[in-house]
Amino acid sequence: MSDQLTTGLDKEDLRQLIADTIDVDLAEVTDDAHFVNDLEVDSLMALEITVRLEKRYGVKMEESELIAVSTLDSTYQLLDGKLRGGS
């Protein structure tokens, strides 16, 4: 069974959500593009990303976890763990 079927998490959907939230072209949100350093995400945009992730995936992000929301890849890993019941 694929990860998407197990958790309902699709990296391309996540990429689209982040691109829409920070108003950049989808191609700019590469797996390892750093949100702050590469995509110029400020603290308000970062908060908006967090709120949208919580609403979309039905998870609660702890303040200590927000540091992990820095690239598409790290955000995917964090959400995947939460959706699998890791935290």
N, C-alpha and C. Protein backbone atom coordinates (compact mmCIF):
# COMPACT_ATOMS: atom_id res chain seq x y z
N MET A 1 0.85 -1.18 0.00
CA MET A 1 0.00 0.00 0.00
C MET A 1 0.89 1.24 0.00
N SER A 2 0.58 2.22 -0.83
CA SER A 2 1.41 3.42 -0.92
C SER A 2 1.21 4.31 0.30
N ASP A 3 2.17 5.21 0.53
CA ASP A 3 2.06 6.15 1.65
C ASP A 3 0.82 7.01 1.53
N GLN A 4 0.51 7.44 0.30
CA GLN A 4 -0.65 8.31 0.11
C GLN A 4 -1.93 7.60 0.54
N LEU A 5 -2.07 6.33 0.21
CA LEU A 5 -3.27 5.60 0.60
C LEU A 5 -3.33 5.40 2.11
N THR A 6 -2.18 5.24 2.74
CA THR A 6 -2.12 5.01 4.18
C THR A 6 -2.48 6.26 4.96
N THR A 7 -1.93 7.41 4.57
CA THR A 7 -2.10 8.63 5.35
C THR A 7 -2.98 9.68 4.70
N GLY A 8 -3.28 9.55 3.41
CA GLY A 8 -4.03 10.58 2.70
C GLY A 8 -3.17 11.80 2.37
N LEU A 9 -1.86 11.67 2.53
CA LEU A 9 -0.94 12.77 2.29
C LEU A 9 -0.28 12.59 0.94
N ASP A 10 -0.44 13.59 0.08
CA ASP A 10 0.18 13.56 -1.25
C ASP A 10 1.13 14.75 -1.35
N LYS A 11 2.38 14.48 -1.69
CA LYS A 11 3.39 15.55 -1.71
C LYS A 11 3.04 16.63 -2.73
N GLU A 12 2.44 16.24 -3.86
CA GLU A 12 2.10 17.26 -4.86
C GLU A 12 0.95 18.15 -4.38
N ASP A 13 0.00 17.58 -3.65
CA ASP A 13 -1.06 18.41 -3.06
C ASP A 13 -0.48 19.37 -2.03
N LEU A 14 0.46 18.86 -1.24
CA LEU A 14 1.14 19.69 -0.24
C LEU A 14 1.92 20.81 -0.92
N ARG A 15 2.62 20.47 -2.00
CA ARG A 15 3.38 21.47 -2.77
C ARG A 15 2.44 22.58 -3.27
N GLN A 16 1.28 22.19 -3.80
CA GLN A 16 0.30 23.15 -4.30
C GLN A 16 -0.23 24.04 -3.18
N LEU A 17 -0.54 23.44 -2.04
CA LEU A 17 -1.05 24.21 -0.90
C LEU A 17 -0.03 25.27 -0.47
N ILE A 18 1.22 24.88 -0.39
CA ILE A 18 2.26 25.83 0.03
C ILE A 18 2.46 26.91 -1.02
N ALA A 19 2.51 26.54 -2.29
CA ALA A 19 2.67 27.53 -3.37
C ALA A 19 1.52 28.53 -3.35
N ASP A 20 0.30 28.04 -3.19
CA ASP A 20 -0.86 28.92 -3.13
C ASP A 20 -0.80 29.85 -1.92
N THR A 21 -0.40 29.30 -0.78
CA THR A 21 -0.36 30.08 0.46
C THR A 21 0.64 31.22 0.38
N ILE A 22 1.81 30.95 -0.18
CA ILE A 22 2.85 31.99 -0.22
C ILE A 22 2.90 32.72 -1.57
N ASP A 23 1.98 32.36 -2.46
CA ASP A 23 1.81 33.04 -3.74
C ASP A 23 3.08 33.02 -4.59
N VAL A 24 3.59 31.80 -4.81
CA VAL A 24 4.73 31.61 -5.72
C VAL A 24 4.34 30.55 -6.75
N ASP A 25 5.11 30.50 -7.83
CA ASP A 25 4.88 29.47 -8.84
C ASP A 25 5.16 28.11 -8.23
N LEU A 26 4.38 27.14 -8.63
CA LEU A 26 4.52 25.77 -8.13
C LEU A 26 5.94 25.25 -8.30
N ALA A 27 6.58 25.58 -9.42
CA ALA A 27 7.93 25.08 -9.70
C ALA A 27 8.97 25.60 -8.70
N GLU A 28 8.68 26.71 -8.04
CA GLU A 28 9.62 27.26 -7.07
C GLU A 28 9.64 26.46 -5.77
N VAL A 29 8.57 25.74 -5.49
CA VAL A 29 8.48 24.96 -4.25
C VAL A 29 9.07 23.57 -4.52
N THR A 30 10.39 23.53 -4.60
CA THR A 30 11.08 22.25 -4.79
C THR A 30 11.13 21.53 -3.45
N ASP A 31 11.50 20.26 -3.48
CA ASP A 31 11.54 19.47 -2.25
C ASP A 31 12.43 20.09 -1.18
N ASP A 32 13.53 20.71 -1.61
CA ASP A 32 14.49 21.22 -0.62
C ASP A 32 14.65 22.74 -0.63
N ALA A 33 13.75 23.46 -1.30
CA ALA A 33 13.80 24.93 -1.26
C ALA A 33 13.42 25.37 0.16
N HIS A 34 14.32 26.13 0.77
CA HIS A 34 14.07 26.61 2.14
C HIS A 34 13.05 27.74 2.07
N PHE A 35 11.98 27.62 2.86
CA PHE A 35 10.90 28.59 2.79
C PHE A 35 11.38 30.02 3.07
N VAL A 36 12.20 30.21 4.09
CA VAL A 36 12.66 31.55 4.45
C VAL A 36 13.77 32.02 3.52
N ASN A 37 14.82 31.21 3.39
CA ASN A 37 16.00 31.64 2.64
C ASN A 37 15.78 31.68 1.13
N ASP A 38 15.04 30.72 0.58
CA ASP A 38 14.86 30.64 -0.87
C ASP A 38 13.55 31.25 -1.37
N LEU A 39 12.50 31.14 -0.57
CA LEU A 39 11.18 31.58 -1.03
C LEU A 39 10.69 32.85 -0.32
N GLU A 40 11.54 33.40 0.54
CA GLU A 40 11.25 34.67 1.22
C GLU A 40 9.97 34.64 2.04
N VAL A 41 9.73 33.52 2.71
CA VAL A 41 8.57 33.40 3.60
C VAL A 41 8.88 34.16 4.89
N ASP A 42 7.97 35.06 5.27
CA ASP A 42 8.15 35.77 6.54
C ASP A 42 7.32 35.07 7.63
N SER A 43 7.37 35.60 8.84
CA SER A 43 6.71 34.93 9.96
C SER A 43 5.19 34.86 9.78
N LEU A 44 4.61 35.87 9.17
CA LEU A 44 3.16 35.86 8.95
C LEU A 44 2.78 34.78 7.93
N MET A 45 3.56 34.66 6.86
CA MET A 45 3.30 33.61 5.87
C MET A 45 3.51 32.23 6.48
N ALA A 46 4.53 32.10 7.33
CA ALA A 46 4.79 30.82 7.98
C ALA A 46 3.60 30.42 8.86
N LEU A 47 3.03 31.39 9.56
CA LEU A 47 1.86 31.12 10.38
C LEU A 47 0.68 30.69 9.50
N GLU A 48 0.51 31.36 8.38
CA GLU A 48 -0.57 31.00 7.45
C GLU A 48 -0.39 29.58 6.91
N ILE A 49 0.85 29.20 6.59
CA ILE A 49 1.12 27.83 6.15
C ILE A 49 0.69 26.86 7.24
N THR A 50 1.09 27.14 8.47
CA THR A 50 0.76 26.26 9.60
C THR A 50 -0.75 26.12 9.77
N VAL A 51 -1.46 27.22 9.73
CA VAL A 51 -2.92 27.19 9.89
C VAL A 51 -3.56 26.35 8.78
N ARG A 52 -3.11 26.55 7.56
CA ARG A 52 -3.68 25.78 6.44
C ARG A 52 -3.36 24.30 6.55
N LEU A 53 -2.16 23.96 7.00
CA LEU A 53 -1.80 22.55 7.19
C LEU A 53 -2.68 21.91 8.25
N GLU A 54 -2.89 22.63 9.35
CA GLU A 54 -3.72 22.10 10.44
C GLU A 54 -5.16 21.86 9.96
N LYS A 55 -5.70 22.83 9.22
CA LYS A 55 -7.08 22.69 8.72
C LYS A 55 -7.19 21.58 7.69
N ARG A 56 -6.27 21.56 6.75
CA ARG A 56 -6.34 20.60 5.65
C ARG A 56 -6.16 19.16 6.11
N TYR A 57 -5.21 18.95 7.03
CA TYR A 57 -4.87 17.58 7.41
C TYR A 57 -5.38 17.18 8.79
N GLY A 58 -6.07 18.11 9.47
CA GLY A 58 -6.66 17.77 10.76
C GLY A 58 -5.65 17.42 11.84
N VAL A 59 -4.52 18.13 11.82
CA VAL A 59 -3.48 17.90 12.82
C VAL A 59 -3.27 19.17 13.63
N LYS A 60 -2.63 19.02 14.77
CA LYS A 60 -2.25 20.17 15.59
C LYS A 60 -0.74 20.27 15.59
N MET A 61 -0.24 21.43 15.21
CA MET A 61 1.21 21.65 15.17
C MET A 61 1.64 22.29 16.48
N GLU A 62 2.56 21.67 17.16
CA GLU A 62 3.11 22.23 18.39
C GLU A 62 4.14 23.29 18.01
N GLU A 63 4.32 24.26 18.87
CA GLU A 63 5.27 25.33 18.60
C GLU A 63 6.68 24.78 18.35
N SER A 64 7.04 23.76 19.09
CA SER A 64 8.37 23.16 18.93
C SER A 64 8.56 22.46 17.58
N GLU A 65 7.45 22.12 16.92
CA GLU A 65 7.53 21.44 15.62
C GLU A 65 7.63 22.41 14.45
N LEU A 66 7.33 23.66 14.68
CA LEU A 66 7.27 24.62 13.58
C LEU A 66 8.62 24.82 12.91
N ILE A 67 9.69 24.56 13.60
CA ILE A 67 11.03 24.66 13.01
C ILE A 67 11.18 23.67 11.86
N ALA A 68 10.44 22.55 11.93
CA ALA A 68 10.50 21.53 10.88
C ALA A 68 9.78 21.97 9.60
N VAL A 69 8.94 22.98 9.72
CA VAL A 69 8.21 23.47 8.54
C VAL A 69 9.11 24.48 7.84
N SER A 70 10.19 23.97 7.24
CA SER A 70 11.15 24.86 6.61
C SER A 70 11.39 24.53 5.13
N THR A 71 11.07 23.30 4.73
CA THR A 71 11.13 22.88 3.33
C THR A 71 9.94 21.99 3.05
N LEU A 72 9.65 21.77 1.80
CA LEU A 72 8.56 20.86 1.45
C LEU A 72 8.84 19.47 2.02
N ASP A 73 10.06 19.01 1.85
CA ASP A 73 10.41 17.67 2.32
C ASP A 73 10.24 17.52 3.83
N SER A 74 10.75 18.48 4.60
CA SER A 74 10.64 18.38 6.06
C SER A 74 9.19 18.52 6.52
N THR A 75 8.42 19.35 5.84
CA THR A 75 7.01 19.50 6.17
C THR A 75 6.25 18.21 5.89
N TYR A 76 6.57 17.59 4.75
CA TYR A 76 5.95 16.31 4.40
C TYR A 76 6.27 15.25 5.46
N GLN A 77 7.52 15.17 5.87
CA GLN A 77 7.92 14.17 6.87
C GLN A 77 7.20 14.40 8.19
N LEU A 78 7.08 15.64 8.62
CA LEU A 78 6.39 15.97 9.86
C LEU A 78 4.92 15.56 9.77
N LEU A 79 4.25 15.94 8.69
CA LEU A 79 2.84 15.60 8.53
C LEU A 79 2.64 14.09 8.42
N ASP A 80 3.51 13.43 7.68
CA ASP A 80 3.41 11.99 7.53
C ASP A 80 3.48 11.30 8.89
N GLY A 81 4.40 11.74 9.72
CA GLY A 81 4.52 11.17 11.06
C GLY A 81 3.27 11.41 11.90
N LYS A 82 2.73 12.62 11.81
CA LYS A 82 1.52 12.96 12.58
C LYS A 82 0.33 12.14 12.10
N LEU A 83 0.18 12.01 10.79
CA LEU A 83 -0.95 11.28 10.23
C LEU A 83 -0.87 9.79 10.51
N ARG A 84 0.33 9.29 10.72
CA ARG A 84 0.51 7.88 11.07
C ARG A 84 0.35 7.66 12.58
N GLY A 85 0.12 8.75 13.30
CA GLY A 85 -0.10 8.63 14.73
C GLY A 85 1.16 8.74 15.55
N GLY A 86 2.24 9.24 14.94
CA GLY A 86 3.51 9.37 15.64
C GLY A 86 3.50 10.43 16.71
N SER A 87 2.72 11.50 16.51
CA SER A 87 2.63 12.54 17.54
C SER A 87 1.43 13.43 17.27
